[in-house]
Protein backbone atom coordinates (compact mmCIF):
# COMPACT_ATOMS: atom_id res chain seq x y z
CA UNK A 1 -56.45 -22.66 52.78
CA UNK A 2 -57.03 -21.31 49.30
CA UNK A 3 -54.82 -22.12 46.34
CA UNK A 4 -52.52 -19.32 45.18
CA UNK A 5 -54.12 -16.99 42.67
CA UNK A 6 -52.48 -15.36 39.68
CA UNK A 7 -51.15 -11.91 40.50
CA UNK A 8 -53.19 -9.14 38.76
CA UNK A 9 -50.11 -7.92 36.88
CA UNK A 10 -49.32 -11.45 35.72
CA UNK A 11 -52.93 -11.96 34.65
CA UNK A 12 -52.83 -8.68 32.74
CA UNK A 13 -49.59 -9.71 31.02
CA UNK A 14 -51.10 -13.06 29.98
CA UNK A 15 -54.19 -11.29 28.63
CA UNK A 16 -52.02 -8.92 26.59
CA UNK A 17 -49.99 -11.84 25.20
CA UNK A 18 -53.17 -13.70 24.24
CA UNK A 19 -54.53 -10.58 22.51
CA UNK A 20 -51.29 -10.18 20.55
CA UNK A 21 -51.47 -13.80 19.40
CA UNK A 22 -55.05 -13.31 18.23
CA UNK A 23 -53.99 -10.16 16.35
CA UNK A 24 -51.25 -12.10 14.55
CA UNK A 25 -53.48 -14.97 13.46
CA UNK A 26 -54.96 -13.34 10.30
CA UNK A 27 -51.49 -12.10 9.30
CA UNK A 28 -50.00 -15.59 9.64
CA UNK A 29 -52.84 -17.11 7.64
CA UNK A 30 -52.50 -14.48 4.90
CA UNK A 31 -48.74 -15.08 4.59
CA UNK A 32 -49.36 -18.69 3.59
CA UNK A 33 -51.09 -17.83 0.30
CA UNK A 34 -49.67 -17.22 -3.18
CA UNK A 35 -47.47 -14.14 -3.69
CA UNK A 36 -48.28 -11.42 -6.23
CA UNK A 37 -44.97 -12.16 -7.97
CA UNK A 38 -46.07 -15.80 -8.43
CA UNK A 39 -49.55 -14.94 -9.72
CA UNK A 40 -50.96 -14.15 -13.15
CA UNK A 41 -52.38 -10.73 -14.02
CA UNK A 42 -55.85 -12.25 -14.00
CA UNK A 43 -55.38 -13.63 -10.46
CA UNK A 44 -54.09 -10.28 -9.16
CA UNK A 45 -56.89 -8.29 -10.82
CA UNK A 46 -59.53 -10.69 -9.48
CA UNK A 47 -58.06 -10.42 -5.95
CA UNK A 48 -57.95 -6.62 -6.13
CA UNK A 49 -61.51 -6.49 -7.46
CA UNK A 50 -62.78 -8.67 -4.60
CA UNK A 51 -60.82 -6.62 -2.06
CA UNK A 52 -62.21 -3.34 -3.41
CA UNK A 53 -65.76 -4.68 -3.47
CA UNK A 54 -65.40 -5.93 0.12
CA UNK A 55 -64.18 -2.49 1.21
CA UNK A 56 -67.07 -0.76 -0.56
CA UNK A 57 -69.60 -3.01 1.14
CA UNK A 58 -67.96 -2.58 4.55
CA UNK A 59 -68.16 1.18 4.17
CA UNK A 60 -71.75 0.89 2.94
CA UNK A 61 -70.97 2.79 -0.21
CA UNK A 62 -73.03 2.22 -3.33
CA UNK A 63 -71.49 0.90 -6.53
CA UNK A 64 -72.79 3.08 -9.37
CA UNK A 65 -71.37 0.83 -12.07
CA UNK A 66 -71.03 -2.96 -11.85
CA UNK A 67 -67.63 -2.73 -13.51
CA UNK A 68 -66.42 0.13 -11.35
CA UNK A 69 -64.35 -1.96 -8.95
CA UNK A 70 -62.94 -4.09 -11.79
CA UNK A 71 -61.77 -0.96 -13.60
CA UNK A 72 -60.21 0.31 -10.39
CA UNK A 73 -58.36 -3.00 -9.97
CA UNK A 74 -57.06 -2.83 -13.55
CA UNK A 75 -55.87 0.74 -13.07
CA UNK A 76 -53.51 -0.14 -10.20
CA UNK A 77 -52.24 -3.51 -11.50
CA UNK A 78 -48.87 -2.11 -12.60
CA UNK A 79 -48.22 -0.33 -9.28
CA UNK A 80 -49.17 -3.44 -7.34
CA UNK A 81 -46.87 -5.58 -9.50
CA UNK A 82 -43.96 -3.16 -9.03
CA UNK A 83 -44.34 -1.98 -5.43
CA UNK A 84 -46.17 -4.83 -3.68
CA UNK A 85 -44.93 -7.95 -5.49
CA UNK A 86 -43.82 -9.40 -2.12
CA UNK A 87 -47.37 -9.35 -0.70
CA UNK A 88 -49.57 -12.41 -1.01
CA UNK A 89 -53.03 -12.38 -2.57
CA UNK A 90 -54.61 -12.93 0.84
CA UNK A 91 -52.57 -10.05 2.26
CA UNK A 92 -54.10 -7.74 -0.35
CA UNK A 93 -57.53 -8.78 0.88
CA UNK A 94 -56.49 -8.31 4.51
CA UNK A 95 -54.97 -4.88 3.78
CA UNK A 96 -58.23 -3.64 2.27
CA UNK A 97 -60.30 -5.07 5.13
CA UNK A 98 -58.10 -3.35 7.71
CA UNK A 99 -58.06 -0.15 5.66
CA UNK A 100 -61.84 -0.07 5.39
CA UNK A 101 -61.99 -0.39 9.19
CA UNK A 102 -60.05 2.85 9.46
CA UNK A 103 -56.94 1.18 10.90
CA UNK A 104 -54.72 3.06 8.44
CA UNK A 105 -56.40 6.43 8.85
CA UNK A 106 -59.73 8.05 8.02
CA UNK A 107 -61.39 6.86 4.80
CA UNK A 108 -62.94 9.48 2.54
CA UNK A 109 -63.48 7.56 -0.69
CA UNK A 110 -62.59 4.27 -2.32
CA UNK A 111 -60.11 5.20 -5.02
CA UNK A 112 -56.93 3.90 -6.63
CA UNK A 113 -54.88 6.22 -4.42
CA UNK A 114 -56.70 4.99 -1.29
CA UNK A 115 -56.13 1.29 -2.12
CA UNK A 116 -52.42 1.90 -2.78
CA UNK A 117 -52.15 3.80 0.50
CA UNK A 118 -53.70 0.85 2.34
CA UNK A 119 -51.27 -1.57 0.71
CA UNK A 120 -48.36 0.71 1.61
CA UNK A 121 -49.46 0.94 5.24
CA UNK A 122 -50.03 -2.80 5.41
CA UNK A 123 -46.58 -3.51 3.95
CA UNK A 124 -44.90 -1.81 6.93
CA UNK A 125 -47.46 -2.91 9.54
CA UNK A 126 -45.71 -4.05 12.71
CA UNK A 127 -48.00 -7.08 13.05
CA UNK A 128 -47.07 -8.21 9.55
CA UNK A 129 -43.38 -8.08 10.37
CA UNK A 130 -43.93 -9.95 13.64
CA UNK A 131 -45.89 -12.63 11.78
CA UNK A 132 -43.14 -12.96 9.17
CA UNK A 133 -40.50 -13.40 11.89
CA UNK A 134 -42.63 -16.00 13.64
CA UNK A 135 -43.08 -17.90 10.37
CA UNK A 136 -39.34 -17.81 9.63
CA UNK A 137 -38.48 -19.05 13.13
CA UNK A 138 -41.00 -21.88 12.83
CA UNK A 139 -39.38 -22.97 9.57
CA UNK A 140 -35.86 -22.75 11.02
CA UNK A 141 -36.60 -24.91 14.07
CA UNK A 142 -38.43 -27.53 12.04
CA UNK A 143 -36.39 -30.69 12.52
CA UNK A 144 -36.85 -33.85 10.54
CA UNK A 145 -37.83 -36.67 12.89
CA UNK A 146 -35.30 -39.46 13.34
CA UNK A 147 -35.22 -42.69 15.27
CA UNK A 148 -33.88 -42.43 18.82
CA UNK A 149 -30.72 -44.54 18.98
CA UNK A 150 -29.22 -46.43 21.93
CA UNK A 151 -26.48 -43.80 21.96
CA UNK A 152 -29.15 -41.10 22.49
CA UNK A 153 -30.75 -43.12 25.30
CA UNK A 154 -27.37 -43.75 26.91
CA UNK A 155 -26.64 -40.00 27.06
CA UNK A 156 -30.07 -39.36 28.59
CA UNK A 157 -29.52 -42.08 31.21
CA UNK A 158 -26.04 -40.80 32.17
CA UNK A 159 -27.38 -37.24 32.45
CA UNK A 160 -30.25 -38.51 34.62
CA UNK A 161 -27.83 -40.33 36.95
CA UNK A 162 -25.64 -37.23 37.25
CA UNK A 163 -28.75 -35.18 38.05
CA UNK A 164 -29.73 -37.73 40.72
CA UNK A 165 -26.26 -37.56 42.34
CA UNK A 166 -26.60 -33.77 42.60
CA UNK A 167 -30.24 -33.51 43.75
CA UNK A 168 -31.09 -36.95 45.16
CA UNK A 169 -34.06 -37.29 42.79
CA UNK A 170 -34.90 -37.68 39.12
CA UNK A 171 -38.37 -37.61 37.54
CA UNK A 172 -38.38 -40.00 34.57
CA UNK A 173 -41.65 -38.86 32.97
CA UNK A 174 -42.64 -41.33 30.27
CA UNK A 175 -40.32 -43.94 31.85
CA UNK A 176 -37.95 -43.62 28.88
CA UNK A 177 -34.78 -44.17 30.93
CA UNK A 178 -36.29 -46.95 33.02
CA UNK A 179 -37.33 -48.90 29.92
CA UNK A 180 -33.90 -48.44 28.32
CA UNK A 181 -31.98 -49.60 31.40
CA UNK A 182 -34.37 -52.51 31.89
CA UNK A 183 -33.91 -53.52 28.25
CA UNK A 184 -30.15 -53.44 28.76
CA UNK A 185 -30.52 -55.73 31.78
CA UNK A 186 -29.25 -53.11 34.22
CA UNK A 187 -32.44 -52.80 36.26
CA UNK A 188 -33.25 -56.28 37.46
CA UNK A 189 -34.93 -56.22 40.86
CA UNK A 190 -36.00 -59.46 42.52
CA UNK A 191 -39.75 -59.94 43.11
CA UNK A 192 -39.50 -59.12 46.82
CA UNK A 193 -37.79 -55.79 46.07
CA UNK A 194 -40.37 -54.97 43.39
CA UNK A 195 -43.20 -55.57 45.86
CA UNK A 196 -41.48 -53.34 48.43
CA UNK A 197 -41.19 -50.54 45.89
CA UNK A 198 -44.85 -50.94 44.84
CA UNK A 199 -45.99 -50.76 48.47
CA UNK A 200 -43.88 -47.65 49.07
CA UNK A 201 -45.33 -45.93 46.00
CA UNK A 202 -48.91 -46.78 47.01
CA UNK A 203 -48.27 -45.49 50.54
CA UNK A 204 -46.83 -42.19 49.24
CA UNK A 205 -49.71 -41.63 46.83
CA UNK A 206 -52.35 -42.38 49.48
CA UNK A 207 -50.61 -39.96 51.83
CA UNK A 208 -50.74 -37.24 49.16
CA UNK A 209 -54.43 -37.86 48.54
CA UNK A 210 -55.12 -37.61 52.26
CA UNK A 211 -53.96 -34.00 52.48
CA UNK A 212 -56.25 -31.84 50.28
CA UNK A 213 -55.90 -28.06 50.43
CA UNK A 214 -59.57 -27.22 49.94
CA UNK A 215 -63.04 -28.74 49.53
CA UNK A 216 -62.85 -29.12 45.76
CA UNK A 217 -59.50 -30.84 46.02
CA UNK A 218 -60.87 -33.11 48.75
CA UNK A 219 -63.67 -34.31 46.47
CA UNK A 220 -61.27 -34.87 43.59
CA UNK A 221 -58.78 -36.69 45.83
CA UNK A 222 -61.54 -38.98 47.12
CA UNK A 223 -62.37 -40.02 43.56
CA UNK A 224 -58.68 -40.54 42.75
CA UNK A 225 -58.21 -42.58 45.95
CA UNK A 226 -61.11 -44.87 45.06
CA UNK A 227 -59.79 -45.30 41.52
CA UNK A 228 -56.33 -46.06 42.90
CA UNK A 229 -57.56 -48.73 45.30
CA UNK A 230 -59.70 -50.33 42.59
CA UNK A 231 -57.06 -50.05 39.83
CA UNK A 232 -53.59 -50.36 41.39
CA UNK A 233 -52.19 -51.03 37.89
CA UNK A 234 -52.56 -47.30 37.23
CA UNK A 235 -49.49 -46.86 39.42
CA UNK A 236 -47.22 -48.57 36.89
CA UNK A 237 -45.69 -45.35 35.59
CA UNK A 238 -45.17 -44.01 39.11
CA UNK A 239 -43.66 -47.34 40.19
CA UNK A 240 -41.11 -47.23 37.37
CA UNK A 241 -40.16 -43.61 38.20
CA UNK A 242 -39.61 -44.58 41.84
CA UNK A 243 -37.81 -47.80 40.87
CA UNK A 244 -35.34 -45.82 38.75
CA UNK A 245 -34.53 -43.64 41.77
CA UNK A 246 -34.07 -46.77 43.91
CA UNK A 247 -31.70 -48.17 41.27
CA UNK A 248 -29.69 -44.92 41.26
CA UNK A 249 -29.62 -44.96 45.09
CA UNK A 250 -28.26 -48.53 45.05
CA UNK A 251 -25.47 -47.48 42.69
CA UNK A 252 -24.54 -44.57 44.97
CA UNK A 253 -24.57 -46.84 48.05
CA UNK A 254 -22.19 -49.24 46.29
CA UNK A 255 -20.04 -46.33 45.12
CA UNK A 256 -20.53 -47.55 41.55
CA UNK A 257 -20.88 -45.59 38.32
CA UNK A 258 -23.58 -46.23 35.73
CA UNK A 259 -21.93 -48.28 33.00
CA UNK A 260 -24.02 -48.86 29.88
CA UNK A 261 -22.55 -51.06 27.14
CA UNK A 262 -24.20 -50.41 23.78
CA UNK A 263 -23.61 -54.02 22.75
CA UNK A 264 -24.65 -56.99 24.84
CA UNK A 265 -25.90 -56.78 28.42
CA UNK A 266 -24.78 -54.69 31.34
CA UNK A 267 -24.09 -55.70 34.90
CA UNK A 268 -27.37 -55.65 36.81
CA UNK A 269 -27.84 -54.53 40.37
CA UNK A 270 -30.22 -57.21 41.70
CA UNK A 271 -31.06 -56.76 45.35
């Protein structure tokens, strides 16, 4: 039996999304530079001169005068200051690169009017606006890290128990809830019960590794099975996830609720 393959339409959608992300990358990078409104005249002129020179070289046009592109940059400084003060210096460079590629229409000659047209087209470019939105969203969702409190862990544990009561299972990836409840003295299995849980976990994992879906998976499962038999300690995380479910099952069997005091120790279920 072969593993399920991605549907052609889904694959096409993913390819389009990846292409869009690649298109946005230069716009995002350019947005992170200094704005025209924050720059000196010298910085803006130098940026414009470099952008014009880059465009001339890309179009394989000859520069008759070494100062030609610097003069052109000087001639449009006022317009750039007034109409494009919100652009960054790197965006000016990017606008001229895209313009010289013909992305804003056919290019006949490098002139002051042409450069200003490129900047105008770049200013309203859809990709630029998408990049700006993405940057704003990234700044809005940026949350200062804080220490996880016992109150936070208590809420997570109660939510996990409620989820278990509804579905009969809870996957505690990272063993966050297990460690918290163990620290609070709530999970306190005797050694015999711990060994029973470990044996059950090992049996389940070996059963999974004994049912590959194809030849490649069979080879990989064989390696994993050998590693598992040689390093049973690798099952620690899986043991704790299963142990948490056993603890929740015990509570349900007793008809008890999960009570977590934030001070002192809780009442352990030791069976």
